[in-house]
């Protein structure tokens, strides 16, 4: 059974950008709505992290922030 849905242009572009090469839009929606996601699926949700160097820089920044917060917690 097939249903027709309406999407805004922005929503369509987001969905299209998340679509893998041989994947239908239905497949994209099913993949994205699973309760468990793989790291690659999570990264696909954050297009700014698609490049490895950008991902590594983001992880380093988060790690530095967590390390600082951890140190501050022990200083109290």
N, C-alpha and C. Protein backbone atom coordinates (compact mmCIF):
# COMPACT_ATOMS: atom_id res chain seq x y z
N UNK A 1 0.84 -1.17 0.00
CA UNK A 1 0.00 0.00 0.00
C UNK A 1 0.89 1.24 0.00
N UNK A 2 0.56 2.22 -0.78
CA UNK A 2 1.33 3.45 -0.91
C UNK A 2 0.49 4.62 -0.45
N UNK A 3 1.12 5.55 0.25
CA UNK A 3 0.46 6.77 0.72
C UNK A 3 1.22 7.97 0.15
N UNK A 4 0.51 9.02 -0.10
CA UNK A 4 1.12 10.26 -0.56
C UNK A 4 1.19 11.22 0.61
N UNK A 5 2.36 11.86 0.78
CA UNK A 5 2.52 12.84 1.84
C UNK A 5 3.05 14.13 1.23
N UNK A 6 2.84 15.23 1.93
CA UNK A 6 3.35 16.52 1.48
C UNK A 6 4.49 16.94 2.39
N UNK A 7 5.53 17.49 1.79
CA UNK A 7 6.67 18.00 2.54
C UNK A 7 6.98 19.42 2.08
N UNK A 8 7.46 20.23 2.98
CA UNK A 8 7.94 21.54 2.57
C UNK A 8 9.19 21.34 1.72
N UNK A 9 9.55 22.35 0.97
CA UNK A 9 10.76 22.25 0.15
C UNK A 9 11.99 21.96 1.01
N UNK A 10 12.06 22.63 2.16
CA UNK A 10 13.21 22.41 3.07
C UNK A 10 13.26 20.98 3.57
N UNK A 11 12.12 20.44 3.98
CA UNK A 11 12.07 19.08 4.48
C UNK A 11 12.46 18.09 3.38
N UNK A 12 11.97 18.34 2.17
CA UNK A 12 12.31 17.46 1.04
C UNK A 12 13.81 17.47 0.79
N UNK A 13 14.42 18.65 0.80
CA UNK A 13 15.87 18.76 0.56
C UNK A 13 16.65 18.01 1.64
N UNK A 14 16.22 18.15 2.89
CA UNK A 14 16.89 17.43 3.98
C UNK A 14 16.80 15.93 3.78
N UNK A 15 15.62 15.45 3.44
CA UNK A 15 15.41 14.02 3.23
C UNK A 15 16.21 13.54 2.03
N UNK A 16 16.19 14.30 0.96
CA UNK A 16 16.94 13.94 -0.25
C UNK A 16 18.44 13.86 0.04
N UNK A 17 18.95 14.79 0.85
CA UNK A 17 20.38 14.79 1.19
C UNK A 17 20.78 13.59 2.05
N UNK A 18 19.83 13.02 2.75
CA UNK A 18 20.12 11.87 3.61
C UNK A 18 19.95 10.55 2.87
N UNK A 19 19.41 10.61 1.68
CA UNK A 19 19.12 9.41 0.89
C UNK A 19 20.40 8.82 0.35
N UNK A 20 20.60 7.54 0.57
CA UNK A 20 21.75 6.83 0.03
C UNK A 20 21.50 6.49 -1.44
N UNK A 21 22.56 6.13 -2.14
CA UNK A 21 22.50 5.94 -3.59
C UNK A 21 21.35 5.04 -4.05
N UNK A 22 21.21 3.88 -3.52
CA UNK A 22 20.20 2.91 -3.97
C UNK A 22 19.01 2.83 -3.02
N UNK A 23 18.72 3.90 -2.33
CA UNK A 23 17.69 3.89 -1.30
C UNK A 23 16.47 4.69 -1.76
N UNK A 24 15.30 4.19 -1.45
CA UNK A 24 14.07 4.93 -1.73
C UNK A 24 13.82 5.90 -0.57
N UNK A 25 12.92 6.84 -0.77
CA UNK A 25 12.57 7.75 0.32
C UNK A 25 11.93 6.99 1.48
N UNK A 26 11.16 5.96 1.17
CA UNK A 26 10.59 5.12 2.23
C UNK A 26 11.70 4.45 3.04
N UNK A 27 12.74 3.97 2.35
CA UNK A 27 13.87 3.35 3.04
C UNK A 27 14.57 4.34 3.96
N UNK A 28 14.73 5.59 3.49
CA UNK A 28 15.38 6.63 4.30
C UNK A 28 14.59 6.84 5.58
N UNK A 29 13.29 7.00 5.44
CA UNK A 29 12.45 7.24 6.62
C UNK A 29 12.52 6.07 7.59
N UNK A 30 12.47 4.85 7.07
CA UNK A 30 12.58 3.67 7.94
C UNK A 30 13.93 3.63 8.65
N UNK A 31 15.00 3.93 7.91
CA UNK A 31 16.34 3.91 8.50
C UNK A 31 16.47 4.96 9.59
N UNK A 32 15.96 6.14 9.33
CA UNK A 32 16.11 7.24 10.28
C UNK A 32 15.21 7.13 11.51
N UNK A 33 14.18 6.33 11.41
CA UNK A 33 13.25 6.21 12.54
C UNK A 33 13.48 4.95 13.37
N UNK A 34 14.52 4.20 13.05
CA UNK A 34 14.86 3.05 13.88
C UNK A 34 15.23 3.55 15.28
N UNK A 35 14.98 2.73 16.27
CA UNK A 35 15.35 3.12 17.63
C UNK A 35 16.85 3.13 17.82
N UNK A 36 17.55 2.22 17.18
CA UNK A 36 19.01 2.18 17.28
C UNK A 36 19.59 2.69 15.98
N UNK A 37 20.59 3.56 16.09
CA UNK A 37 21.23 4.11 14.90
C UNK A 37 22.71 3.79 14.94
N UNK A 38 23.28 3.60 13.77
CA UNK A 38 24.72 3.40 13.70
C UNK A 38 25.41 4.75 13.70
N UNK A 39 26.70 4.76 13.95
CA UNK A 39 27.46 6.01 13.96
C UNK A 39 27.35 6.71 12.62
N UNK A 40 27.42 5.95 11.53
CA UNK A 40 27.34 6.59 10.21
C UNK A 40 25.97 7.24 9.99
N UNK A 41 24.91 6.65 10.52
CA UNK A 41 23.60 7.26 10.40
C UNK A 41 23.51 8.53 11.22
N UNK A 42 24.10 8.51 12.40
CA UNK A 42 24.10 9.71 13.23
C UNK A 42 24.88 10.82 12.54
N UNK A 43 26.02 10.47 11.97
CA UNK A 43 26.81 11.48 11.27
C UNK A 43 26.07 12.02 10.07
N UNK A 44 25.30 11.20 9.40
CA UNK A 44 24.51 11.67 8.26
C UNK A 44 23.47 12.69 8.71
N UNK A 45 23.04 12.60 9.96
CA UNK A 45 22.09 13.57 10.46
C UNK A 45 22.74 14.93 10.69
N UNK A 46 24.04 14.94 10.80
CA UNK A 46 24.78 16.16 11.03
C UNK A 46 25.74 16.38 9.87
N UNK A 47 25.23 16.99 8.83
CA UNK A 47 26.00 17.13 7.60
C UNK A 47 27.32 17.86 7.81
N UNK A 48 27.38 18.71 8.83
CA UNK A 48 28.63 19.42 9.09
C UNK A 48 29.74 18.49 9.57
N UNK A 49 29.38 17.26 9.93
CA UNK A 49 30.37 16.30 10.42
C UNK A 49 30.74 15.25 9.37
N UNK A 50 30.29 15.41 8.15
CA UNK A 50 30.54 14.39 7.14
C UNK A 50 32.01 14.25 6.78
N UNK A 51 32.73 15.33 6.78
CA UNK A 51 34.16 15.26 6.48
C UNK A 51 34.90 14.78 7.72
N UNK A 52 35.81 13.87 7.54
CA UNK A 52 36.51 13.26 8.67
C UNK A 52 37.24 14.31 9.50
N UNK A 53 37.92 15.24 8.86
CA UNK A 53 38.67 16.24 9.61
C UNK A 53 37.73 17.11 10.45
N UNK A 54 36.58 17.44 9.92
CA UNK A 54 35.61 18.22 10.68
C UNK A 54 35.09 17.40 11.86
N UNK A 55 34.87 16.13 11.63
CA UNK A 55 34.42 15.24 12.71
C UNK A 55 35.48 15.15 13.80
N UNK A 56 36.72 14.95 13.41
CA UNK A 56 37.81 14.84 14.39
C UNK A 56 37.94 16.13 15.19
N UNK A 57 37.85 17.27 14.53
CA UNK A 57 37.94 18.55 15.24
C UNK A 57 36.79 18.72 16.22
N UNK A 58 35.61 18.32 15.82
CA UNK A 58 34.46 18.41 16.71
C UNK A 58 34.64 17.53 17.93
N UNK A 59 35.12 16.31 17.72
CA UNK A 59 35.35 15.39 18.84
C UNK A 59 36.41 15.96 19.78
N UNK A 60 37.47 16.52 19.23
CA UNK A 60 38.54 17.11 20.07
C UNK A 60 38.00 18.25 20.92
N UNK A 61 37.17 19.11 20.32
CA UNK A 61 36.59 20.23 21.07
C UNK A 61 35.70 19.72 22.19
N UNK A 62 34.87 18.75 21.89
CA UNK A 62 33.97 18.19 22.91
C UNK A 62 34.78 17.54 24.03
N UNK A 63 35.82 16.80 23.65
CA UNK A 63 36.67 16.12 24.64
C UNK A 63 37.36 17.14 25.55
N UNK A 64 37.88 18.22 24.96
CA UNK A 64 38.54 19.25 25.76
C UNK A 64 37.55 19.90 26.73
N UNK A 65 36.34 20.16 26.27
CA UNK A 65 35.32 20.74 27.14
C UNK A 65 34.97 19.80 28.28
N UNK A 66 34.79 18.52 27.98
CA UNK A 66 34.48 17.55 29.03
C UNK A 66 35.62 17.40 30.02
N UNK A 67 36.86 17.39 29.51
CA UNK A 67 38.02 17.31 30.40
C UNK A 67 38.07 18.50 31.35
N UNK A 68 37.80 19.70 30.82
CA UNK A 68 37.81 20.90 31.65
C UNK A 68 36.72 20.85 32.70
N UNK A 69 35.52 20.44 32.30
CA UNK A 69 34.42 20.32 33.26
C UNK A 69 34.73 19.29 34.33
N UNK A 70 35.37 18.21 33.95
CA UNK A 70 35.75 17.16 34.91
C UNK A 70 36.76 17.72 35.92
N UNK A 71 37.75 18.46 35.45
CA UNK A 71 38.75 19.05 36.33
C UNK A 71 38.11 20.05 37.28
N UNK A 72 37.19 20.85 36.77
CA UNK A 72 36.50 21.84 37.61
C UNK A 72 35.67 21.16 38.69
N UNK A 73 35.11 20.02 38.35
CA UNK A 73 34.31 19.28 39.31
C UNK A 73 35.14 18.82 40.50
N UNK A 74 36.40 18.47 40.27
CA UNK A 74 37.27 18.04 41.35
C UNK A 74 37.84 19.22 42.12
N UNK A 75 37.85 20.41 41.51
CA UNK A 75 38.39 21.60 42.17
C UNK A 75 37.42 22.14 43.22
N UNK A 76 36.15 21.77 43.13
CA UNK A 76 35.16 22.26 44.08
C UNK A 76 35.44 21.63 45.41
